[in-house]
Amino acid sequence: AGLYYRPRFYDFNVIVQPAPRATRFVPELQAGLGGAKLSFYYSQPFCSIFGACQISSSHFQLHAAGSLRVYVTQHVFIRPQIDVHWVNHFSQFGSNVVPQYGVAIGYTFGR
């Protein structure tokens, strides 16, 4: 139908590591709040019909995540993570809950 979309999430989190850093496997929990911005884009032929090429909506969101830091060296880690966003009035997709997963590679400074 010539309609594209781009969701963007931002949040401010508290990060807690319930186990001490003395082990090779360190669990990590995150919780926070922020916002989600959903932008819809029309393809070029529809811009002149509707008068605008972009429509946006902003929403409040809560965020929670769980991950496990796996240290491959003393400072370098790999972190698989599962996130859940609860987005207020996110009716465009039929649910207020947005799951997300990812993997990060990181470096820890200090001890």
Protein backbone atom coordinates (compact mmCIF):
# COMPACT_ATOMS: atom_id res chain seq x y z
CA ALA A 1 0.00 0.00 0.00
CA GLY A 2 3.05 2.27 -0.13
CA LEU A 3 3.19 2.68 3.66
CA TYR A 4 6.42 2.10 5.60
CA TYR A 5 7.05 2.46 9.34
CA ARG A 6 9.95 2.93 11.76
CA PRO A 7 9.59 2.42 15.53
CA ARG A 8 12.16 4.08 17.82
CA PHE A 9 12.52 3.34 21.52
CA TYR A 10 14.47 5.31 24.12
CA ASP A 11 14.63 4.76 27.86
CA PHE A 12 16.53 5.58 31.02
CA ASN A 13 17.37 2.46 32.99
CA VAL A 14 18.60 1.29 36.36
CA ILE A 15 21.05 -1.59 35.90
CA VAL A 16 21.58 -4.13 38.70
CA GLN A 17 24.07 -6.99 38.83
CA PRO A 18 22.75 -9.28 41.58
CA ALA A 19 25.90 -11.47 41.62
CA PRO A 20 29.42 -10.17 42.30
CA ARG A 21 31.78 -9.71 39.34
CA ALA A 22 34.02 -12.47 40.74
CA THR A 23 32.58 -15.08 38.40
CA ARG A 24 32.76 -15.61 34.66
CA PHE A 25 28.95 -15.48 34.30
CA VAL A 26 27.32 -12.29 35.60
CA PRO A 27 23.52 -11.83 35.44
CA GLU A 28 22.25 -8.32 34.75
CA LEU A 29 18.76 -6.86 35.25
CA GLN A 30 17.49 -3.57 33.81
CA ALA A 31 14.34 -1.55 34.44
CA GLY A 32 13.41 1.90 33.29
CA LEU A 33 11.04 4.27 31.58
CA GLY A 34 11.11 6.29 28.43
CA GLY A 35 9.24 6.72 25.20
CA ALA A 36 8.51 5.23 21.82
CA LYS A 37 8.10 7.16 18.61
CA LEU A 38 6.39 5.50 15.68
CA SER A 39 6.76 7.13 12.26
CA PHE A 40 4.80 6.12 9.18
CA TYR A 41 6.15 7.07 5.75
CA TYR A 42 4.29 7.16 2.47
CA SER A 43 6.03 6.32 -0.78
CA GLN A 44 6.55 9.23 -3.15
CA PRO A 45 3.37 8.83 -5.28
CA PHE A 46 1.15 9.03 -2.16
CA CYS A 47 2.77 12.19 -0.70
CA SER A 48 0.91 14.49 -3.07
CA ILE A 49 -2.41 12.70 -2.43
CA PHE A 50 -2.26 12.85 1.39
CA GLY A 51 -0.37 16.15 1.66
CA ALA A 52 2.35 14.76 3.97
CA CYS A 53 5.02 12.10 3.58
CA GLN A 54 5.31 11.31 7.30
CA ILE A 55 2.93 10.79 10.23
CA SER A 56 4.34 10.30 13.75
CA SER A 57 3.00 9.36 17.14
CA SER A 58 4.81 9.38 20.49
CA HIS A 59 4.03 7.10 23.42
CA PHE A 60 5.16 6.58 27.05
CA GLN A 61 6.87 3.23 27.69
CA LEU A 62 8.20 1.04 30.51
CA HIS A 63 11.21 -1.19 29.89
CA ALA A 64 12.53 -4.37 31.55
CA ALA A 65 15.42 -6.59 30.48
CA GLY A 66 17.41 -9.58 31.60
CA SER A 67 20.83 -10.56 30.34
CA LEU A 68 23.88 -12.65 31.16
CA ARG A 69 27.39 -11.28 30.75
CA VAL A 70 29.74 -14.09 29.72
CA TYR A 71 33.36 -12.97 30.16
CA VAL A 72 35.66 -14.47 27.51
CA THR A 73 38.67 -12.64 29.01
CA GLN A 74 39.06 -10.65 32.22
CA HIS A 75 37.47 -7.55 30.63
CA VAL A 76 35.78 -8.59 27.34
CA PHE A 77 32.26 -10.02 27.53
CA ILE A 78 29.41 -11.22 25.30
CA ARG A 79 25.91 -10.37 26.53
CA PRO A 80 22.75 -11.98 25.14
CA GLN A 81 19.71 -9.97 26.30
CA ILE A 82 15.92 -10.22 26.30
CA ASP A 83 13.92 -6.97 26.55
CA VAL A 84 10.24 -6.27 27.04
CA HIS A 85 8.74 -2.83 26.36
CA TRP A 86 5.25 -1.93 27.54
CA VAL A 87 4.11 0.97 25.37
CA ASN A 88 1.01 2.94 26.38
CA HIS A 89 -1.69 3.08 23.64
CA PHE A 90 0.45 1.22 21.08
CA SER A 91 -2.70 0.25 19.20
CA GLN A 92 -1.13 0.28 15.74
CA PHE A 93 0.19 -3.27 16.28
CA GLY A 94 -2.65 -4.74 18.37
CA SER A 95 -0.62 -5.09 21.59
CA ASN A 96 1.04 -2.79 24.10
CA VAL A 97 3.83 -5.34 24.71
CA VAL A 98 6.88 -5.27 22.43
CA PRO A 99 9.48 -8.05 22.89
CA GLN A 100 13.08 -7.56 21.75
CA TYR A 101 16.27 -9.61 21.86
CA GLY A 102 19.88 -8.99 20.97
CA VAL A 103 23.53 -9.76 21.60
CA ALA A 104 26.20 -7.24 22.59
CA ILE A 105 29.97 -7.37 22.84
CA GLY A 106 31.46 -5.16 25.54
CA TYR A 107 34.48 -4.21 27.61
CA THR A 108 34.60 -3.59 31.37
CA PHE A 109 37.10 -1.09 32.75
CA GLY A 110 38.64 -1.55 36.20
CA ARG A 111 38.37 -4.65 38.36
